[in-house]
C-alpha atoms as a PDB file:
ATOM      1  CA  MET A   1      38.318  22.808   8.008  1.00  0.00           C
ATOM      2  CA  LEU A   2      41.344  22.833  10.315  1.00  0.00           C
ATOM      3  CA  GLU A   3      43.752  23.571   7.478  1.00  0.00           C
ATOM      4  CA  GLY A   4      41.537  26.322   6.204  1.00  0.00           C
ATOM      5  CA  ASN A   5      41.290  27.850   9.676  1.00  0.00           C
ATOM      6  CA  ARG A   6      45.059  27.751   9.980  1.00  0.00           C
ATOM      7  CA  VAL A   7      45.438  29.569   6.669  1.00  0.00           C
ATOM      8  CA  SER A   8      42.849  32.124   7.776  1.00  0.00           C
ATOM      9  CA  ARG A   9      44.665  32.770  11.048  1.00  0.00           C
ATOM     10  CA  ILE A  10      48.030  33.118   9.275  1.00  0.00           C
ATOM     11  CA  SER A  11      46.563  35.447   6.714  1.00  0.00           C
ATOM     12  CA  VAL A  12      44.870  37.608   9.325  1.00  0.00           C
ATOM     13  CA  ARG A  13      47.941  37.557  11.522  1.00  0.00           C
ATOM     14  CA  GLY A  14      50.088  38.578   8.609  1.00  0.00           C
ATOM     15  CA  PHE A  15      47.733  41.385   7.747  1.00  0.00           C
ATOM     16  CA  ALA A  16      47.677  42.548  11.348  1.00  0.00           C
ATOM     17  CA  VAL A  17      51.469  42.412  11.645  1.00  0.00           C
ATOM     18  CA  ALA A  18      51.929  44.245   8.408  1.00  0.00           C
ATOM     19  CA  SER A  19      49.451  46.865   9.466  1.00  0.00           C
ATOM     20  CA  ALA A  20      51.069  47.231  12.853  1.00  0.00           C
ATOM     21  CA  THR A  21      54.498  47.486  11.250  1.00  0.00           C
ATOM     22  CA  ALA A  22      53.266  50.133   8.915  1.00  0.00           C
ATOM     23  CA  VAL A  23      51.740  52.077  11.747  1.00  0.00           C
ATOM     24  CA  THR A  24      54.912  51.685  13.805  1.00  0.00           C
ATOM     25  CA  THR A  25      57.029  52.894  10.951  1.00  0.00           C
ATOM     26  CA  VAL A  26      54.806  55.850  10.299  1.00  0.00           C
ATOM     27  CA  GLY A  27      54.679  56.574  14.004  1.00  0.00           C
ATOM     28  CA  ALA A  28      58.427  56.397  14.248  1.00  0.00           C
ATOM     29  CA  VAL A  29      58.832  58.802  11.377  1.00  0.00           C
ATOM     30  CA  VAL A  30      56.249  61.090  12.812  1.00  0.00           C
ATOM     31  CA  GLY A  31      57.797  60.738  16.248  1.00  0.00           C
ATOM     32  CA  VAL A  32      61.248  61.601  14.952  1.00  0.00           C
ATOM     33  CA  ALA A  33      59.887  64.511  13.060  1.00  0.00           C
ATOM     34  CA  SER A  34      57.799  65.739  16.001  1.00  0.00           C
ATOM     35  CA  GLY A  35      60.125  64.661  18.762  1.00  0.00           C
ATOM     36  CA  GLY A  36      57.660  62.022  20.177  1.00  0.00           C
ATOM     37  CA  THR A  37      58.642  59.715  23.027  1.00  0.00           C
ATOM     38  CA  GLN A  38      59.306  55.958  23.104  1.00  0.00           C
ATOM     39  CA  ALA A  39      55.951  55.426  24.986  1.00  0.00           C
ATOM     40  CA  SER A  40      53.994  56.213  21.825  1.00  0.00           C
ATOM     41  CA  ALA A  41      55.817  53.514  19.922  1.00  0.00           C
ATOM     42  CA  ASP A  42      55.158  51.010  22.673  1.00  0.00           C
ATOM     43  CA  SER A  43      51.417  51.767  22.605  1.00  0.00           C
ATOM     44  CA  ILE A  44      51.248  51.215  18.893  1.00  0.00           C
ATOM     45  CA  GLU A  45      53.050  47.865  19.191  1.00  0.00           C
ATOM     46  CA  ALA A  46      50.630  46.740  21.981  1.00  0.00           C
ATOM     47  CA  THR A  47      47.664  47.599  19.783  1.00  0.00           C
ATOM     48  CA  ALA A  48      49.151  45.533  16.960  1.00  0.00           C
ATOM     49  CA  ALA A  49      49.641  42.569  19.332  1.00  0.00           C
ATOM     50  CA  ASP A  50      46.005  42.760  20.478  1.00  0.00           C
ATOM     51  CA  ALA A  51      44.890  42.684  16.885  1.00  0.00           C
ATOM     52  CA  THR A  52      47.011  39.576  16.350  1.00  0.00           C
ATOM     53  CA  LEU A  53      45.392  37.799  19.366  1.00  0.00           C
ATOM     54  CA  LEU A  54      41.870  38.564  18.140  1.00  0.00           C
ATOM     55  CA  ALA A  55      42.797  37.219  14.767  1.00  0.00           C
ATOM     56  CA  ASP A  56      43.734  33.865  16.371  1.00  0.00           C
ATOM     57  CA  ILE A  57      40.006  33.065  17.219  1.00  0.00           C
ATOM     58  CA  PRO A  58      38.737  30.598  14.603  1.00  0.00           C
ATOM     59  CA  ALA A  59      35.699  32.047  12.848  1.00  0.00           C
ATOM     60  CA  GLY A  60      32.334  30.034  12.859  1.00  0.00           C
ATOM     61  CA  ASN A  61      33.369  26.949  14.912  1.00  0.00           C
ATOM     62  CA  HIS A  62      31.732  28.063  18.162  1.00  0.00           C
ATOM     63  CA  ALA A  63      28.477  28.997  16.452  1.00  0.00           C
ATOM     64  CA  VAL A  64      28.267  25.623  14.711  1.00  0.00           C
ATOM     65  CA  ALA A  65      28.898  23.724  17.969  1.00  0.00           C
ATOM     66  CA  GLN A  66      26.239  25.716  19.848  1.00  0.00           C
ATOM     67  CA  THR A  67      23.677  25.153  17.086  1.00  0.00           C
ATOM     68  CA  ALA A  68      24.305  21.389  17.110  1.00  0.00           C
ATOM     69  CA  SER A  69      23.895  21.254  20.897  1.00  0.00           C
ATOM     70  CA  LEU A  70      20.554  23.097  20.788  1.00  0.00           C
ATOM     71  CA  THR A  71      19.304  20.796  18.044  1.00  0.00           C
ATOM     72  CA  GLN A  72      20.191  17.717  20.085  1.00  0.00           C
ATOM     73  CA  GLN A  73      18.406  19.121  23.139  1.00  0.00           C
ATOM     74  CA  ALA A  74      15.289  19.883  21.083  1.00  0.00           C
ATOM     75  CA  ASP A  75      15.298  16.376  19.612  1.00  0.00           C
ATOM     76  CA  ALA A  76      15.665  14.819  23.068  1.00  0.00           C
ATOM     77  CA  GLN A  77      12.789  16.899  24.455  1.00  0.00           C
ATOM     78  CA  SER A  78      10.585  16.035  21.498  1.00  0.00           C
ATOM     79  CA  LEU A  79      11.310  12.314  21.919  1.00  0.00           C
ATOM     80  CA  ALA A  80      10.566  12.509  25.637  1.00  0.00           C
ATOM     81  CA  ALA A  81       7.255  14.289  24.943  1.00  0.00           C
ATOM     82  CA  GLU A  82       6.255  11.666  22.374  1.00  0.00           C
ATOM     83  CA  THR A  83       7.134   8.856  24.777  1.00  0.00           C
ATOM     84  CA  GLU A  84       5.081  10.415  27.571  1.00  0.00           C
ATOM     85  CA  ALA A  85       2.111  11.002  25.257  1.00  0.00           C
ATOM     86  CA  LYS A  86       2.229   7.382  24.094  1.00  0.00           C
ATOM     87  CA  ARG A  87       2.428   6.116  27.675  1.00  0.00           C
ATOM     88  CA  SER A  88      -0.495   8.325  28.720  1.00  0.00           C
ATOM     89  CA  ALA A  89      -2.603   7.145  25.787  1.00  0.00           C
ATOM     90  CA  GLU A  90      -1.868   3.486  26.568  1.00  0.00           C
ATOM     91  CA  GLU A  91      -2.781   4.010  30.235  1.00  0.00           C
ATOM     92  CA  SER A  92      -6.045   5.738  29.290  1.00  0.00           C
ATOM     93  CA  ALA A  93      -6.887   2.919  26.874  1.00  0.00           C
ATOM     94  CA  ARG A  94      -6.173   0.312  29.573  1.00  0.00           C
ATOM     95  CA  LYS A  95      -8.404   2.067  32.109  1.00  0.00           C
ATOM     96  CA  GLN A  96     -11.226   2.450  29.585  1.00  0.00           C
ATOM     97  CA  ALA A  97     -10.975  -1.222  28.620  1.00  0.00           C
ATOM     98  CA  ALA A  98     -11.197  -2.237  32.289  1.00  0.00           C
ATOM     99  CA  LYS A  99     -14.184   0.060  32.793  1.00  0.00           C
ATOM    100  CA  ASP A 100     -15.966  -1.350  29.739  1.00  0.00           C
ATOM    101  CA  ALA A 101     -15.295  -4.913  30.879  1.00  0.00           C
ATOM    102  CA  ALA A 102     -16.710  -4.171  34.347  1.00  0.00           C
ATOM    103  CA  ALA A 103     -19.824  -2.588  32.830  1.00  0.00           C
ATOM    104  CA  LYS A 104     -20.377  -5.584  30.551  1.00  0.00           C
ATOM    105  CA  LYS A 105     -19.966  -7.990  33.480  1.00  0.00           C
ATOM    106  CA  ALA A 106     -22.433  -6.019  35.595  1.00  0.00           C
ATOM    107  CA  GLU A 107     -24.964  -6.024  32.764  1.00  0.00           C
ATOM    108  CA  ALA A 108     -24.494  -9.760  32.227  1.00  0.00           C
ATOM    109  CA  ASP A 109     -24.919 -10.427  35.969  1.00  0.00           C
ATOM    110  CA  LYS A 110     -28.082  -8.318  36.019  1.00  0.00           C
ATOM    111  CA  LYS A 111     -29.589 -10.188  33.089  1.00  0.00           C
ATOM    112  CA  ALA A 112     -28.660 -13.535  34.643  1.00  0.00           C
ATOM    113  CA  ALA A 113     -30.316 -12.523  37.924  1.00  0.00           C
ATOM    114  CA  GLU A 114     -33.442 -11.420  36.076  1.00  0.00           C
ATOM    115  CA  GLU A 115     -33.564 -14.709  34.205  1.00  0.00           C
ATOM    116  CA  ARG A 116     -33.191 -16.669  37.441  1.00  0.00           C
ATOM    117  CA  ALA A 117     -35.973 -14.631  39.036  1.00  0.00           C
ATOM    118  CA  LYS A 118     -38.276 -15.310  36.082  1.00  0.00           C
ATOM    119  CA  GLU A 119     -37.500 -19.014  36.189  1.00  0.00           C
ATOM    120  CA  ARG A 120     -38.151 -19.087  39.935  1.00  0.00           C
ATOM    121  CA  GLU A 121     -41.471 -17.253  39.536  1.00  0.00           C
ATOM    122  CA  ALA A 122     -42.497 -19.598  36.726  1.00  0.00           C
ATOM    123  CA  ALA A 123     -41.609 -22.620  38.853  1.00  0.00           C
ATOM    124  CA  GLU A 124     -43.545 -21.256  41.828  1.00  0.00           C
ATOM    125  CA  ALA A 125     -46.563 -20.499  39.654  1.00  0.00           C
ATOM    126  CA  LYS A 126     -46.408 -23.971  38.170  1.00  0.00           C
ATOM    127  CA  SER A 127     -46.123 -25.511  41.622  1.00  0.00           C
ATOM    128  CA  ALA A 128     -49.050 -23.467  42.894  1.00  0.00           C
ATOM    129  CA  ALA A 129     -51.158 -24.443  39.898  1.00  0.00           C
ATOM    130  CA  ALA A 130     -50.276 -28.098  40.425  1.00  0.00           C
ATOM    131  CA  SER A 131     -51.112 -27.805  44.094  1.00  0.00           C
ATOM    132  CA  ARG A 132     -54.468 -26.244  43.352  1.00  0.00           C
ATOM    133  CA  SER A 133     -55.325 -28.776  40.695  1.00  0.00           C
ATOM    134  CA  ALA A 134     -54.483 -31.583  43.125  1.00  0.00           C
ATOM    135  CA  THR A 135     -56.906 -30.345  45.814  1.00  0.00           C
ATOM    136  CA  ARG A 136     -60.192 -32.136  46.254  1.00  0.00           C
ATOM    137  CA  ASP A 137     -63.581 -30.637  45.548  1.00  0.00           C
ATOM    138  CA  ALA A 138     -66.533 -30.550  47.936  1.00  0.00           C
ATOM    139  CA  SER A 139     -68.310 -33.210  45.941  1.00  0.00           C
ATOM    140  CA  ASP A 140     -65.466 -35.635  46.711  1.00  0.00           C
ATOM    141  CA  PHE A 141     -66.621 -35.983  50.319  1.00  0.00           C
ATOM    142  CA  GLY A 142     -69.532 -38.059  51.446  1.00  0.00           C
ATOM    143  CA  VAL A 143     -72.425 -36.296  53.145  1.00  0.00           C
ATOM    144  CA  GLN A 144     -72.794 -36.849  56.906  1.00  0.00           C
ATOM    145  CA  SER A 145     -75.390 -35.775  59.413  1.00  0.00           C
ATOM    146  CA  SER A 146     -72.718 -33.983  61.477  1.00  0.00           C
ATOM    147  CA  TYR A 147     -68.984 -33.303  61.490  1.00  0.00           C
ATOM    148  CA  THR A 148     -66.387 -32.900  64.198  1.00  0.00           C
ATOM    149  CA  VAL A 149     -63.848 -30.085  64.175  1.00  0.00           C
ATOM    150  CA  ALA A 150     -61.130 -32.580  63.269  1.00  0.00           C
ATOM    151  CA  GLN A 151     -63.170 -33.824  60.316  1.00  0.00           C
ATOM    152  CA  VAL A 152     -63.834 -30.301  59.069  1.00  0.00           C
ATOM    153  CA  GLN A 153     -60.151 -29.418  59.353  1.00  0.00           C
ATOM    154  CA  ALA A 154     -59.214 -32.607  57.472  1.00  0.00           C
ATOM    155  CA  MET A 155     -61.552 -31.579  54.658  1.00  0.00           C
ATOM    156  CA  ALA A 156     -59.972 -28.118  54.534  1.00  0.00           C
ATOM    157  CA  ARG A 157     -56.473 -29.588  54.352  1.00  0.00           C
ATOM    158  CA  GLN A 158     -57.474 -31.585  51.300  1.00  0.00           C
ATOM    159  CA  MET A 159     -59.268 -28.702  49.584  1.00  0.00           C
ATOM    160  CA  VAL A 160     -56.994 -25.725  50.360  1.00  0.00           C
ATOM    161  CA  PRO A 161     -53.487 -25.550  48.770  1.00  0.00           C
ATOM    162  CA  ALA A 162     -50.834 -26.572  51.290  1.00  0.00           C
ATOM    163  CA  ASP A 163     -48.988 -23.245  51.163  1.00  0.00           C
ATOM    164  CA  GLN A 164     -52.270 -21.396  51.893  1.00  0.00           C
ATOM    165  CA  PHE A 165     -53.775 -23.627  54.532  1.00  0.00           C
ATOM    166  CA  GLN A 166     -52.317 -21.878  57.583  1.00  0.00           C
ATOM    167  CA  CYS A 167     -53.669 -18.504  56.464  1.00  0.00           C
ATOM    168  CA  PHE A 168     -57.072 -20.062  55.737  1.00  0.00           C
ATOM    169  CA  SER A 169     -57.041 -21.749  59.145  1.00  0.00           C
ATOM    170  CA  ASN A 170     -56.154 -18.490  60.921  1.00  0.00           C
ATOM    171  CA  ILE A 171     -59.215 -16.778  59.475  1.00  0.00           C
ATOM    172  CA  VAL A 172     -61.575 -19.663  60.313  1.00  0.00           C
ATOM    173  CA  ASP A 173     -60.149 -19.801  63.850  1.00  0.00           C
ATOM    174  CA  HIS A 174     -61.044 -16.147  64.400  1.00  0.00           C
ATOM    175  CA  GLU A 175     -64.401 -16.230  62.596  1.00  0.00           C
ATOM    176  CA  SER A 176     -66.021 -19.460  63.830  1.00  0.00           C
ATOM    177  CA  SER A 177     -63.493 -21.649  65.687  1.00  0.00           C
ATOM    178  CA  TRP A 178     -64.184 -24.271  62.979  1.00  0.00           C
ATOM    179  CA  ASN A 179     -67.896 -24.523  63.836  1.00  0.00           C
ATOM    180  CA  TYR A 180     -69.645 -24.929  60.485  1.00  0.00           C
ATOM    181  CA  LYS A 181     -73.012 -24.100  62.117  1.00  0.00           C
ATOM    182  CA  ALA A 182     -71.820 -20.904  63.844  1.00  0.00           C
ATOM    183  CA  SER A 183     -74.405 -18.143  63.513  1.00  0.00           C
ATOM    184  CA  ASN A 184     -74.402 -14.440  64.420  1.00  0.00           C
ATOM    185  CA  PRO A 185     -77.980 -13.507  65.374  1.00  0.00           C
ATOM    186  CA  SER A 186     -77.399  -9.768  65.101  1.00  0.00           C
ATOM    187  CA  SER A 187     -75.758  -9.701  61.667  1.00  0.00           C
ATOM    188  CA  GLY A 188     -76.908 -12.916  60.060  1.00  0.00           C
ATOM    189  CA  ALA A 189     -73.347 -14.105  59.351  1.00  0.00           C
ATOM    190  CA  TYR A 190     -73.130 -17.876  59.150  1.00  0.00           C
ATOM    191  CA  GLY A 191     -70.786 -20.838  58.884  1.00  0.00           C
ATOM    192  CA  LEU A 192     -67.027 -21.384  59.003  1.00  0.00           C
ATOM    193  CA  MET A 193     -66.202 -18.119  57.241  1.00  0.00           C
ATOM    194  CA  GLN A 194     -69.139 -16.182  58.723  1.00  0.00           C
ATOM    195  CA  ALA A 195     -70.438 -15.302  55.288  1.00  0.00           C
ATOM    196  CA  LEU A 196     -72.763 -12.285  55.373  1.00  0.00           C
ATOM    197  CA  PRO A 197     -75.410 -13.134  54.597  1.00  0.00           C
ATOM    198  CA  GLY A 198     -74.907 -16.877  54.890  1.00  0.00           C
ATOM    199  CA  SER A 199     -77.072 -17.474  51.829  1.00  0.00           C
ATOM    200  CA  LYS A 200     -74.213 -16.206  49.631  1.00  0.00           C
ATOM    201  CA  MET A 201     -72.645 -19.650  50.045  1.00  0.00           C
ATOM    202  CA  SER A 202     -75.461 -21.163  48.004  1.00  0.00           C
ATOM    203  CA  SER A 203     -73.350 -20.358  44.932  1.00  0.00           C
ATOM    204  CA  ALA A 204     -71.124 -23.270  46.009  1.00  0.00           C
ATOM    205  CA  GLY A 205     -73.956 -25.687  46.798  1.00  0.00           C
ATOM    206  CA  ALA A 206     -77.492 -25.904  48.040  1.00  0.00           C
ATOM    207  CA  ASP A 207     -76.368 -27.701  51.188  1.00  0.00           C
ATOM    208  CA  TRP A 208     -74.311 -24.722  52.403  1.00  0.00           C
ATOM    209  CA  GLN A 209     -75.991 -24.777  55.847  1.00  0.00           C
ATOM    210  CA  THR A 210     -75.105 -28.395  56.676  1.00  0.00           C
ATOM    211  CA  ASN A 211     -72.058 -29.325  54.604  1.00  0.00           C
ATOM    212  CA  PRO A 212     -68.700 -27.895  55.734  1.00  0.00           C
ATOM    213  CA  ALA A 213     -67.084 -28.944  52.438  1.00  0.00           C
ATOM    214  CA  THR A 214     -69.505 -26.620  50.581  1.00  0.00           C
ATOM    215  CA  GLN A 215     -68.613 -23.788  52.954  1.00  0.00           C
ATOM    216  CA  ILE A 216     -64.863 -24.400  52.502  1.00  0.00           C
ATOM    217  CA  LYS A 217     -65.312 -24.389  48.738  1.00  0.00           C
ATOM    218  CA  TRP A 218     -67.142 -21.069  48.873  1.00  0.00           C
ATOM    219  CA  GLY A 219     -64.659 -19.533  51.337  1.00  0.00           C
ATOM    220  CA  LEU A 220     -61.647 -20.492  49.216  1.00  0.00           C
ATOM    221  CA  SER A 221     -63.269 -19.059  46.090  1.00  0.00           C
ATOM    222  CA  TYR A 222     -64.119 -15.829  47.910  1.00  0.00           C
ATOM    223  CA  MET A 223     -60.606 -15.317  49.280  1.00  0.00           C
ATOM    224  CA  ASP A 224     -58.979 -16.049  45.915  1.00  0.00           C
ATOM    225  CA  GLY A 225     -61.345 -13.721  44.056  1.00  0.00           C
ATOM    226  CA  ARG A 226     -61.200 -10.779  46.496  1.00  0.00           C
ATOM    227  CA  TYR A 227     -57.658 -10.978  47.896  1.00  0.00           C
ATOM    228  CA  GLY A 228     -55.784 -13.250  45.480  1.00  0.00           C
ATOM    229  CA  SER A 229     -55.329 -16.030  48.013  1.00  0.00           C
ATOM    230  CA  PRO A 230     -56.147 -17.020  51.610  1.00  0.00           C
ATOM    231  CA  CYS A 231     -52.837 -15.459  52.692  1.00  0.00           C
ATOM    232  CA  GLY A 232     -53.850 -12.203  51.005  1.00  0.00           C
ATOM    233  CA  ALA A 233     -57.128 -12.352  52.901  1.00  0.00           C
ATOM    234  CA  TRP A 234     -55.330 -13.065  56.184  1.00  0.00           C
ATOM    235  CA  GLU A 235     -52.991 -10.106  55.664  1.00  0.00           C
ATOM    236  CA  PHE A 236     -56.041  -7.859  55.183  1.00  0.00           C
ATOM    237  CA  TRP A 237     -57.753  -9.384  58.210  1.00  0.00           C
ATOM    238  CA  GLN A 238     -54.784  -8.606  60.461  1.00  0.00           C
ATOM    239  CA  ALA A 239     -54.900  -4.951  59.433  1.00  0.00           C
ATOM    240  CA  ASN A 240     -58.703  -4.565  59.720  1.00  0.00           C
ATOM    241  CA  ASN A 241     -60.043  -7.435  61.891  1.00  0.00           C
ATOM    242  CA  TRP A 242     -62.414  -8.401  59.091  1.00  0.00           C
ATOM    243  CA  TYR A 243     -62.094  -9.530  55.496  1.00  0.00           C
END
């Protein structure tokens, strides 16, 4: 390419010089014939020199260099854009993976908590059932002509589930103060639980008037059937002063 450019410049320069010489010669002839001045000849020679300088610029090299530079810039920008897009995609994928992992952990923790709650409820139900099955029945106690408060309370402790005894005791305290013969002349309520009428306790035994164990049996059955448990009955009693 360099050798070719040199040949091109020489050829163009030669053409320009030849042209300028021809013009100078013609101008000189014309000037002699017309009586022109030396200034005209000088102007023609300057024009020829300018043409020679323009011819020295190598054709095409600058355009090729500029095109290569623009291509390199475009390639660099494209590579940078691809790198940024890849980095952004990787970051998005990482965040999504972390989010999915957190959601899975939360779901697993929730299921584990639910399972523990079910196991706890099952254990409590089993314990309550065992406690109830271990309580004594009214028929397990010998019949006496009379009973002290301490004896009646001892019977209740053996017949009422341990976790329900305090609630049962609270109700009996308020209703009869543990007097199994307590009677309300105006209403007809009778016994430890002040059953109304008292004859309802006959479903637990014919000796409901004289046997506190029969009354306790009936009272426990009533509270379980109506309120779910003695504690359910006590909760209702506190809100209404009756049960």
